[in-house]
Amino acid sequence: MTKADLPSLPPFFDRYINQVDDINVLDALTQTATFDKLIGQETLEALGDLRYAPGKWSVKDILQHIIDTERIMSYRALRIGRNDPTPLPGFDENAYAENTGANHRSIADLYDEYAAVRQSSILLFRSLDAAMLIREGTASGKPISALALGYVLVGHARHHVTVIQERYVPLLS
């Protein structure tokens, strides 16, 4: 299924969904299955634990945030796809970031974790049929389909890669 099949474009999440071409959700997930396909490991290692401004996340914090969000959004897609009507709560991304210990991990380790989590997401979305994908539930107080969440996974990662490229990579100059 593609973005054209979305039953609705959920508010707030549309900014991530709109970053993805109108291609099959599995193709979109597969094309960004590793951080290498998003941004090179050497670039991230060169940035180390730099922050572009006081109080901002490090690149490692951003990578861990992408991983954590992937897990949460995939879980939401599972619950919605399996027709669980329970409204799903939001999460405090800053509280997560403060409690990850990402800065004590290597970029290579974060790359490995992302690849494993994304592979799990791909397998989940492969298991969802068309009816499951277009099924809508409530997450963070907003209606959203399992299909939309698949595109959120891709667009969210792209959004943060753009932040790294625009705000962190110039620090290497």
N, C-alpha and C. Protein backbone atom coordinates (compact mmCIF):
# COMPACT_ATOMS: atom_id res chain seq x y z
N MET A 1 0.84 -1.18 0.00
CA MET A 1 0.00 0.00 0.00
C MET A 1 0.89 1.24 0.00
N THR A 2 0.36 2.34 -0.53
CA THR A 2 1.12 3.58 -0.63
C THR A 2 0.44 4.69 0.17
N LYS A 3 1.08 5.87 0.18
CA LYS A 3 0.49 7.01 0.89
C LYS A 3 -0.88 7.36 0.34
N ALA A 4 -1.09 7.14 -0.95
CA ALA A 4 -2.39 7.44 -1.56
C ALA A 4 -3.51 6.61 -0.91
N ASP A 5 -3.16 5.51 -0.26
CA ASP A 5 -4.14 4.65 0.39
C ASP A 5 -4.45 5.07 1.83
N LEU A 6 -3.79 6.09 2.32
CA LEU A 6 -4.03 6.53 3.70
C LEU A 6 -5.48 6.97 3.87
N PRO A 7 -6.16 6.46 4.89
CA PRO A 7 -7.55 6.87 5.11
C PRO A 7 -7.64 8.35 5.50
N SER A 8 -6.61 8.88 6.13
CA SER A 8 -6.54 10.30 6.49
C SER A 8 -5.09 10.65 6.77
N LEU A 9 -4.79 11.93 6.70
CA LEU A 9 -3.45 12.41 7.00
C LEU A 9 -3.50 13.00 8.41
N PRO A 10 -2.92 12.30 9.38
CA PRO A 10 -3.07 12.73 10.76
C PRO A 10 -2.33 14.04 11.05
N PRO A 11 -3.00 14.93 11.81
CA PRO A 11 -2.34 16.18 12.19
C PRO A 11 -1.08 15.88 13.00
N PHE A 12 -0.13 16.75 12.95
CA PHE A 12 1.19 16.66 13.58
C PHE A 12 2.07 15.65 12.85
N PHE A 13 1.60 14.44 12.65
CA PHE A 13 2.40 13.41 12.00
C PHE A 13 2.55 13.64 10.50
N ASP A 14 1.69 14.51 9.93
CA ASP A 14 1.77 14.79 8.50
C ASP A 14 3.14 15.35 8.10
N ARG A 15 3.80 16.06 9.01
CA ARG A 15 5.11 16.63 8.69
C ARG A 15 6.15 15.55 8.44
N TYR A 16 5.99 14.38 9.03
CA TYR A 16 6.89 13.26 8.76
C TYR A 16 6.44 12.49 7.52
N ILE A 17 5.15 12.24 7.43
CA ILE A 17 4.61 11.48 6.30
C ILE A 17 4.92 12.19 4.99
N ASN A 18 4.81 13.51 4.98
CA ASN A 18 5.03 14.27 3.75
C ASN A 18 6.48 14.26 3.27
N GLN A 19 7.40 13.77 4.09
CA GLN A 19 8.80 13.67 3.67
C GLN A 19 9.07 12.40 2.87
N VAL A 20 8.07 11.54 2.74
CA VAL A 20 8.24 10.26 2.07
C VAL A 20 7.49 10.28 0.74
N ASP A 21 8.12 9.76 -0.31
CA ASP A 21 7.46 9.66 -1.61
C ASP A 21 6.27 8.72 -1.52
N ASP A 22 5.38 8.82 -2.50
CA ASP A 22 4.21 7.96 -2.54
C ASP A 22 4.59 6.60 -3.13
N ILE A 23 5.33 5.84 -2.31
CA ILE A 23 5.76 4.50 -2.69
C ILE A 23 5.21 3.51 -1.67
N ASN A 24 5.30 2.25 -1.99
CA ASN A 24 4.85 1.20 -1.09
C ASN A 24 5.54 1.36 0.26
N VAL A 25 4.78 1.21 1.33
CA VAL A 25 5.32 1.41 2.68
C VAL A 25 6.50 0.47 2.96
N LEU A 26 6.43 -0.77 2.49
CA LEU A 26 7.54 -1.70 2.71
C LEU A 26 8.79 -1.27 1.95
N ASP A 27 8.62 -0.73 0.74
CA ASP A 27 9.77 -0.21 0.00
C ASP A 27 10.38 0.97 0.73
N ALA A 28 9.54 1.86 1.26
CA ALA A 28 10.04 3.02 1.99
C ALA A 28 10.82 2.59 3.23
N LEU A 29 10.28 1.63 3.97
CA LEU A 29 10.96 1.14 5.17
C LEU A 29 12.28 0.46 4.81
N THR A 30 12.29 -0.33 3.75
CA THR A 30 13.48 -1.06 3.35
C THR A 30 14.58 -0.14 2.86
N GLN A 31 14.19 0.91 2.13
CA GLN A 31 15.19 1.84 1.58
C GLN A 31 15.95 2.60 2.66
N THR A 32 15.39 2.69 3.86
CA THR A 32 16.05 3.40 4.95
C THR A 32 16.31 2.46 6.12
N ALA A 33 16.64 1.21 5.81
CA ALA A 33 16.77 0.19 6.84
C ALA A 33 18.05 0.29 7.66
N THR A 34 19.00 1.10 7.23
CA THR A 34 20.22 1.30 8.01
C THR A 34 20.54 2.79 8.05
N PHE A 35 21.21 3.22 9.09
CA PHE A 35 21.62 4.62 9.17
C PHE A 35 22.57 4.96 8.02
N ASP A 36 23.35 3.97 7.56
CA ASP A 36 24.25 4.23 6.43
C ASP A 36 23.51 4.77 5.23
N LYS A 37 22.27 4.32 5.04
CA LYS A 37 21.49 4.81 3.92
C LYS A 37 20.96 6.22 4.18
N LEU A 38 21.03 6.63 5.44
CA LEU A 38 20.56 7.96 5.80
C LEU A 38 21.71 8.96 5.92
N ILE A 39 22.74 8.57 6.64
CA ILE A 39 23.90 9.44 6.86
C ILE A 39 25.09 8.56 7.22
N GLY A 40 26.25 8.91 6.73
CA GLY A 40 27.42 8.06 6.90
C GLY A 40 27.94 7.97 8.33
N GLN A 41 28.38 6.78 8.69
CA GLN A 41 28.90 6.52 10.03
C GLN A 41 30.14 7.36 10.32
N GLU A 42 31.01 7.54 9.35
CA GLU A 42 32.23 8.33 9.56
C GLU A 42 31.89 9.76 9.93
N THR A 43 30.89 10.32 9.28
CA THR A 43 30.47 11.69 9.59
C THR A 43 29.99 11.78 11.03
N LEU A 44 29.17 10.82 11.44
CA LEU A 44 28.64 10.85 12.81
C LEU A 44 29.74 10.63 13.84
N GLU A 45 30.67 9.74 13.54
CA GLU A 45 31.78 9.52 14.48
C GLU A 45 32.64 10.77 14.61
N ALA A 46 32.80 11.51 13.52
CA ALA A 46 33.58 12.75 13.57
C ALA A 46 32.88 13.79 14.45
N LEU A 47 31.57 13.76 14.48
CA LEU A 47 30.83 14.71 15.31
C LEU A 47 30.90 14.36 16.79
N GLY A 48 31.14 13.08 17.06
CA GLY A 48 31.28 12.64 18.45
C GLY A 48 30.09 13.04 19.29
N ASP A 49 30.37 13.68 20.42
CA ASP A 49 29.32 14.08 21.34
C ASP A 49 29.03 15.58 21.25
N LEU A 50 29.42 16.20 20.12
CA LEU A 50 29.18 17.63 19.95
C LEU A 50 27.69 17.95 19.95
N ARG A 51 27.40 19.15 20.42
CA ARG A 51 26.05 19.69 20.39
C ARG A 51 26.14 21.03 19.68
N TYR A 52 25.20 21.33 18.83
CA TYR A 52 25.29 22.58 18.06
C TYR A 52 24.95 23.80 18.91
N ALA A 53 24.32 23.57 20.08
CA ALA A 53 24.01 24.67 20.99
C ALA A 53 23.79 24.08 22.38
N PRO A 54 23.98 24.90 23.42
CA PRO A 54 23.75 24.40 24.77
C PRO A 54 22.31 23.88 24.93
N GLY A 55 22.19 22.77 25.62
CA GLY A 55 20.89 22.19 25.88
C GLY A 55 20.33 21.34 24.75
N LYS A 56 21.03 21.29 23.61
CA LYS A 56 20.57 20.48 22.49
C LYS A 56 21.12 19.06 22.62
N TRP A 57 20.46 18.14 21.97
CA TRP A 57 20.89 16.75 22.00
C TRP A 57 22.18 16.57 21.22
N SER A 58 22.96 15.59 21.61
CA SER A 58 24.12 15.18 20.81
C SER A 58 23.62 14.31 19.66
N VAL A 59 24.49 14.05 18.70
CA VAL A 59 24.12 13.17 17.59
C VAL A 59 23.74 11.79 18.12
N LYS A 60 24.45 11.31 19.12
CA LYS A 60 24.10 10.01 19.70
C LYS A 60 22.71 10.05 20.32
N ASP A 61 22.38 11.16 20.99
CA ASP A 61 21.03 11.30 21.55
C ASP A 61 19.98 11.25 20.43
N ILE A 62 20.28 11.90 19.32
CA ILE A 62 19.34 11.91 18.19
C ILE A 62 19.17 10.50 17.64
N LEU A 63 20.27 9.79 17.46
CA LEU A 63 20.17 8.42 16.94
C LEU A 63 19.34 7.55 17.88
N GLN A 64 19.58 7.68 19.18
CA GLN A 64 18.81 6.88 20.13
C GLN A 64 17.34 7.29 20.10
N HIS A 65 17.08 8.58 19.93
CA HIS A 65 15.70 9.06 19.82
C HIS A 65 15.00 8.44 18.60
N ILE A 66 15.70 8.36 17.49
CA ILE A 66 15.12 7.73 16.29
C ILE A 66 14.78 6.27 16.59
N ILE A 67 15.69 5.58 17.25
CA ILE A 67 15.47 4.17 17.59
C ILE A 67 14.28 4.02 18.55
N ASP A 68 14.26 4.82 19.60
CA ASP A 68 13.17 4.74 20.57
C ASP A 68 11.82 5.03 19.92
N THR A 69 11.80 6.05 19.08
CA THR A 69 10.55 6.42 18.40
C THR A 69 10.11 5.32 17.45
N GLU A 70 11.06 4.69 16.78
CA GLU A 70 10.73 3.56 15.89
C GLU A 70 10.03 2.46 16.68
N ARG A 71 10.56 2.15 17.84
CA ARG A 71 9.95 1.10 18.67
C ARG A 71 8.52 1.48 19.07
N ILE A 72 8.35 2.72 19.50
CA ILE A 72 7.04 3.18 19.98
C ILE A 72 6.03 3.21 18.82
N MET A 73 6.43 3.75 17.69
CA MET A 73 5.51 3.85 16.55
C MET A 73 5.18 2.46 15.99
N SER A 74 6.13 1.56 15.99
CA SER A 74 5.86 0.18 15.53
C SER A 74 4.89 -0.51 16.48
N TYR A 75 5.07 -0.30 17.77
CA TYR A 75 4.16 -0.86 18.76
C TYR A 75 2.75 -0.32 18.54
N ARG A 76 2.66 0.98 18.27
CA ARG A 76 1.35 1.56 17.98
C ARG A 76 0.74 0.91 16.74
N ALA A 77 1.54 0.73 15.69
CA ALA A 77 1.03 0.10 14.47
C ALA A 77 0.55 -1.32 14.75
N LEU A 78 1.27 -2.05 15.59
CA LEU A 78 0.87 -3.41 15.97
C LEU A 78 -0.49 -3.37 16.67
N ARG A 79 -0.62 -2.51 17.65
CA ARG A 79 -1.87 -2.43 18.42
C ARG A 79 -3.04 -2.03 17.53
N ILE A 80 -2.82 -1.04 16.67
CA ILE A 80 -3.89 -0.58 15.79
C ILE A 80 -4.20 -1.65 14.74
N GLY A 81 -3.16 -2.22 14.14
CA GLY A 81 -3.37 -3.25 13.13
C GLY A 81 -4.11 -4.46 13.66
N ARG A 82 -3.90 -4.79 14.92
CA ARG A 82 -4.56 -5.94 15.54
C ARG A 82 -5.92 -5.57 16.14
N ASN A 83 -6.38 -4.36 15.83
CA ASN A 83 -7.71 -3.89 16.21
C ASN A 83 -7.87 -3.71 17.72
N ASP A 84 -6.84 -3.27 18.39
CA ASP A 84 -6.92 -2.94 19.80
C ASP A 84 -7.45 -1.50 19.88
N PRO A 85 -8.64 -1.30 20.41
CA PRO A 85 -9.25 0.03 20.40
C PRO A 85 -8.73 0.97 21.50
N THR A 86 -7.83 0.50 22.35
CA THR A 86 -7.33 1.31 23.45
C THR A 86 -6.57 2.52 22.93
N PRO A 87 -6.97 3.74 23.34
CA PRO A 87 -6.18 4.91 22.94
C PRO A 87 -4.76 4.79 23.49
N LEU A 88 -3.79 5.09 22.64
CA LEU A 88 -2.39 4.95 23.00
C LEU A 88 -1.82 6.31 23.40
N PRO A 89 -1.16 6.37 24.54
CA PRO A 89 -0.66 7.66 25.04
C PRO A 89 0.54 8.16 24.25
N GLY A 90 0.82 9.44 24.40
CA GLY A 90 2.04 10.01 23.86
C GLY A 90 3.21 9.63 24.74
N PHE A 91 4.38 10.19 24.44
CA PHE A 91 5.55 9.96 25.29
C PHE A 91 6.39 11.23 25.31
N ASP A 92 7.14 11.38 26.37
CA ASP A 92 7.97 12.57 26.55
C ASP A 92 9.36 12.28 26.01
N GLU A 93 9.61 12.74 24.79
CA GLU A 93 10.89 12.45 24.13
C GLU A 93 12.08 13.00 24.91
N ASN A 94 11.91 14.10 25.61
CA ASN A 94 13.02 14.67 26.38
C ASN A 94 13.34 13.81 27.60
N ALA A 95 12.31 13.27 28.24
CA ALA A 95 12.56 12.37 29.38
C ALA A 95 13.29 11.12 28.90
N TYR A 96 12.90 10.62 27.74
CA TYR A 96 13.60 9.46 27.19
C TYR A 96 15.06 9.82 26.94
N ALA A 97 15.29 10.95 26.29
CA ALA A 97 16.66 11.34 25.93
C ALA A 97 17.55 11.50 27.16
N GLU A 98 16.97 11.99 28.24
CA GLU A 98 17.74 12.17 29.47
C GLU A 98 18.11 10.85 30.13
N ASN A 99 17.47 9.78 29.73
CA ASN A 99 17.64 8.50 30.42
C ASN A 99 18.12 7.38 29.52
N THR A 100 18.78 7.69 28.40
CA THR A 100 19.21 6.64 27.48
C THR A 100 20.64 6.19 27.70
N GLY A 101 21.50 7.08 28.17
CA GLY A 101 22.92 6.74 28.24
C GLY A 101 23.55 6.64 26.86
N ALA A 102 22.93 7.26 25.86
CA ALA A 102 23.41 7.16 24.48
C ALA A 102 24.84 7.65 24.33
N ASN A 103 25.24 8.63 25.11
CA ASN A 103 26.59 9.18 24.96
C ASN A 103 27.68 8.24 25.47
N HIS A 104 27.27 7.16 26.10
CA HIS A 104 28.23 6.14 26.54
C HIS A 104 28.31 4.99 25.54
N ARG A 105 27.59 5.12 24.43
CA ARG A 105 27.57 4.08 23.41
C ARG A 105 28.35 4.54 22.19
N SER A 106 28.74 3.60 21.39
CA SER A 106 29.44 3.94 20.14
C SER A 106 28.42 4.15 19.02
N ILE A 107 28.82 4.91 18.02
CA ILE A 107 27.98 5.10 16.85
C ILE A 107 27.71 3.74 16.21
N ALA A 108 28.72 2.88 16.15
CA ALA A 108 28.54 1.55 15.54
C ALA A 108 27.47 0.75 16.28
N ASP A 109 27.46 0.84 17.60
CA ASP A 109 26.46 0.14 18.39
C ASP A 109 25.06 0.68 18.11
N LEU A 110 24.94 1.99 18.01
CA LEU A 110 23.65 2.59 17.68
C LEU A 110 23.19 2.20 16.28
N TYR A 111 24.14 2.15 15.34
CA TYR A 111 23.82 1.69 13.98
C TYR A 111 23.26 0.27 14.01
N ASP A 112 23.91 -0.61 14.78
CA ASP A 112 23.45 -2.00 14.85
C ASP A 112 22.05 -2.09 15.44
N GLU A 113 21.81 -1.32 16.49
CA GLU A 113 20.49 -1.36 17.11
C GLU A 113 19.42 -0.86 16.15
N TYR A 114 19.71 0.23 15.45
CA TYR A 114 18.74 0.76 14.49
C TYR A 114 18.42 -0.28 13.41
N ALA A 115 19.44 -0.92 12.88
CA ALA A 115 19.22 -1.93 11.84
C ALA A 115 18.33 -3.06 12.35
N ALA A 116 18.54 -3.49 13.59
CA ALA A 116 17.73 -4.57 14.17
C ALA A 116 16.28 -4.12 14.39
N VAL A 117 16.12 -2.92 14.91
CA VAL A 117 14.77 -2.41 15.17
C VAL A 117 14.03 -2.19 13.85
N ARG A 118 14.72 -1.64 12.85
CA ARG A 118 14.07 -1.42 11.56
C ARG A 118 13.70 -2.75 10.92
N GLN A 119 14.57 -3.75 11.02
CA GLN A 119 14.23 -5.07 10.45
C GLN A 119 12.98 -5.61 11.12
N SER A 120 12.86 -5.43 12.41
CA SER A 120 11.66 -5.85 13.13
C SER A 120 10.43 -5.10 12.61
N SER A 121 10.57 -3.81 12.36
CA SER A 121 9.46 -3.01 11.83
C SER A 121 9.05 -3.51 10.44
N ILE A 122 10.04 -3.80 9.62
CA ILE A 122 9.75 -4.30 8.27
C ILE A 122 8.95 -5.60 8.36
N LEU A 123 9.38 -6.49 9.23
CA LEU A 123 8.67 -7.77 9.38
C LEU A 123 7.26 -7.55 9.90
N LEU A 124 7.09 -6.62 10.82
CA LEU A 124 5.75 -6.31 11.32
C LEU A 124 4.86 -5.82 10.18
N PHE A 125 5.34 -4.83 9.43
CA PHE A 125 4.52 -4.27 8.36
C PHE A 125 4.26 -5.29 7.25
N ARG A 126 5.18 -6.19 7.04
CA ARG A 126 4.97 -7.26 6.06
C ARG A 126 3.82 -8.17 6.51
N SER A 127 3.63 -8.30 7.82
CA SER A 127 2.59 -9.19 8.35
C SER A 127 1.20 -8.55 8.35
N LEU A 128 1.12 -7.25 8.14
CA LEU A 128 -0.17 -6.56 8.18
C LEU A 128 -0.81 -6.56 6.78
N ASP A 129 -2.03 -7.07 6.68
CA ASP A 129 -2.72 -7.04 5.39
C ASP A 129 -3.35 -5.65 5.19
N ALA A 130 -3.99 -5.46 4.04
CA ALA A 130 -4.53 -4.15 3.69
C ALA A 130 -5.54 -3.64 4.72
N ALA A 131 -6.42 -4.51 5.19
CA ALA A 131 -7.42 -4.10 6.18
C ALA A 131 -6.75 -3.66 7.48
N MET A 132 -5.71 -4.36 7.88
CA MET A 132 -4.99 -4.00 9.10
C MET A 132 -4.25 -2.68 8.94
N LEU A 133 -3.67 -2.47 7.75
CA LEU A 133 -2.90 -1.25 7.50
C LEU A 133 -3.77 0.00 7.51
N ILE A 134 -4.97 -0.09 6.96
CA ILE A 134 -5.79 1.12 6.90
C ILE A 134 -6.65 1.31 8.15
N ARG A 135 -6.62 0.35 9.05
CA ARG A 135 -7.36 0.46 10.30
C ARG A 135 -6.82 1.65 11.08
N GLU A 136 -7.72 2.42 11.66
CA GLU A 136 -7.31 3.58 12.44
C GLU A 136 -7.55 3.36 13.93
N GLY A 137 -6.67 3.94 14.72
CA GLY A 137 -6.80 3.96 16.16
C GLY A 137 -6.46 5.36 16.63
N THR A 138 -6.24 5.49 17.92
CA THR A 138 -5.89 6.79 18.50
C THR A 138 -4.54 6.69 19.17
N ALA A 139 -3.65 7.60 18.80
CA ALA A 139 -2.33 7.68 19.41
C ALA A 139 -2.02 9.15 19.67
N SER A 140 -1.57 9.43 20.86
CA SER A 140 -1.27 10.82 21.26
C SER A 140 -2.50 11.71 21.07
N GLY A 141 -3.68 11.14 21.28
CA GLY A 141 -4.92 11.90 21.19
C GLY A 141 -5.39 12.19 19.78
N LYS A 142 -4.74 11.58 18.76
CA LYS A 142 -5.10 11.85 17.37
C LYS A 142 -5.38 10.54 16.63
N PRO A 143 -6.34 10.56 15.71
CA PRO A 143 -6.58 9.35 14.91
C PRO A 143 -5.42 9.12 13.94
N ILE A 144 -5.04 7.87 13.82
CA ILE A 144 -3.94 7.52 12.91
C ILE A 144 -4.09 6.05 12.52
N SER A 145 -3.67 5.73 11.31
CA SER A 145 -3.73 4.35 10.82
C SER A 145 -2.37 3.69 10.99
N ALA A 146 -2.39 2.37 10.96
CA ALA A 146 -1.13 1.62 10.99
C ALA A 146 -0.28 2.00 9.78
N LEU A 147 -0.90 2.17 8.62
CA LEU A 147 -0.17 2.55 7.42
C LEU A 147 0.52 3.91 7.61
N ALA A 148 -0.19 4.87 8.16
CA ALA A 148 0.40 6.19 8.40
C ALA A 148 1.62 6.07 9.31
N LEU A 149 1.53 5.20 10.30
CA LEU A 149 2.66 5.02 11.22
C LEU A 149 3.88 4.48 10.49
N GLY A 150 3.69 3.65 9.49
CA GLY A 150 4.83 3.17 8.70
C GLY A 150 5.56 4.32 8.02
N TYR A 151 4.79 5.25 7.47
CA TYR A 151 5.41 6.41 6.83
C TYR A 151 6.01 7.37 7.86
N VAL A 152 5.42 7.43 9.05
CA VAL A 152 5.99 8.24 10.13
C VAL A 152 7.40 7.73 10.46
N LEU A 153 7.56 6.41 10.52
CA LEU A 153 8.88 5.84 10.83
C LEU A 153 9.94 6.35 9.86
N VAL A 154 9.62 6.35 8.59
CA VAL A 154 10.58 6.76 7.57
C VAL A 154 10.80 8.28 7.62
N GLY A 155 9.72 9.03 7.66
CA GLY A 155 9.82 10.49 7.65
C GLY A 155 10.46 11.05 8.90
N HIS A 156 10.21 10.43 10.04
CA HIS A 156 10.80 10.88 11.29
C HIS A 156 12.32 10.75 11.24
N ALA A 157 12.79 9.61 10.77
CA ALA A 157 14.24 9.41 10.65
C ALA A 157 14.83 10.43 9.68
N ARG A 158 14.17 10.65 8.56
CA ARG A 158 14.66 11.63 7.57
C ARG A 158 14.70 13.03 8.17
N HIS A 159 13.69 13.38 8.93
CA HIS A 159 13.64 14.70 9.58
C HIS A 159 14.89 14.91 10.43
N HIS A 160 15.22 13.92 11.24
CA HIS A 160 16.37 14.08 12.13
C HIS A 160 17.71 14.03 11.39
N VAL A 161 17.76 13.29 10.32
CA VAL A 161 18.97 13.30 9.49
C VAL A 161 19.18 14.70 8.91
N THR A 162 18.10 15.32 8.49
CA THR A 162 18.20 16.70 7.97
C THR A 162 18.71 17.64 9.05
N VAL A 163 18.23 17.47 10.27
CA VAL A 163 18.72 18.30 11.39
C VAL A 163 20.22 18.09 11.58
N ILE A 164 20.66 16.84 11.53
CA ILE A 164 22.09 16.55 11.68
C ILE A 164 22.87 17.21 10.55
N GLN A 165 22.40 17.08 9.34
CA GLN A 165 23.12 17.65 8.19
C GLN A 165 23.17 19.17 8.24
N GLU A 166 22.09 19.80 8.68
CA GLU A 166 22.02 21.26 8.67
C GLU A 166 22.66 21.90 9.90
N ARG A 167 22.58 21.26 11.06
CA ARG A 167 23.03 21.92 12.29
C ARG A 167 24.30 21.34 12.89
N TYR A 168 24.59 20.07 12.59
CA TYR A 168 25.75 19.43 13.20
C TYR A 168 26.92 19.33 12.24
N VAL A 169 26.68 18.87 11.02
CA VAL A 169 27.75 18.69 10.05
C VAL A 169 28.56 19.98 9.84
N PRO A 170 27.92 21.16 9.82
CA PRO A 170 28.72 22.39 9.67
C PRO A 170 29.75 22.60 10.80
N LEU A 171 29.56 21.94 11.93
CA LEU A 171 30.53 22.04 13.03
C LEU A 171 31.86 21.42 12.67
N LEU A 172 31.87 20.57 11.63
CA LEU A 172 33.10 19.90 11.20
C LEU A 172 33.96 20.81 10.33
N SER A 173 33.41 21.91 9.86
CA SER A 173 34.16 22.81 8.97
C SER A 173 35.16 23.65 9.72
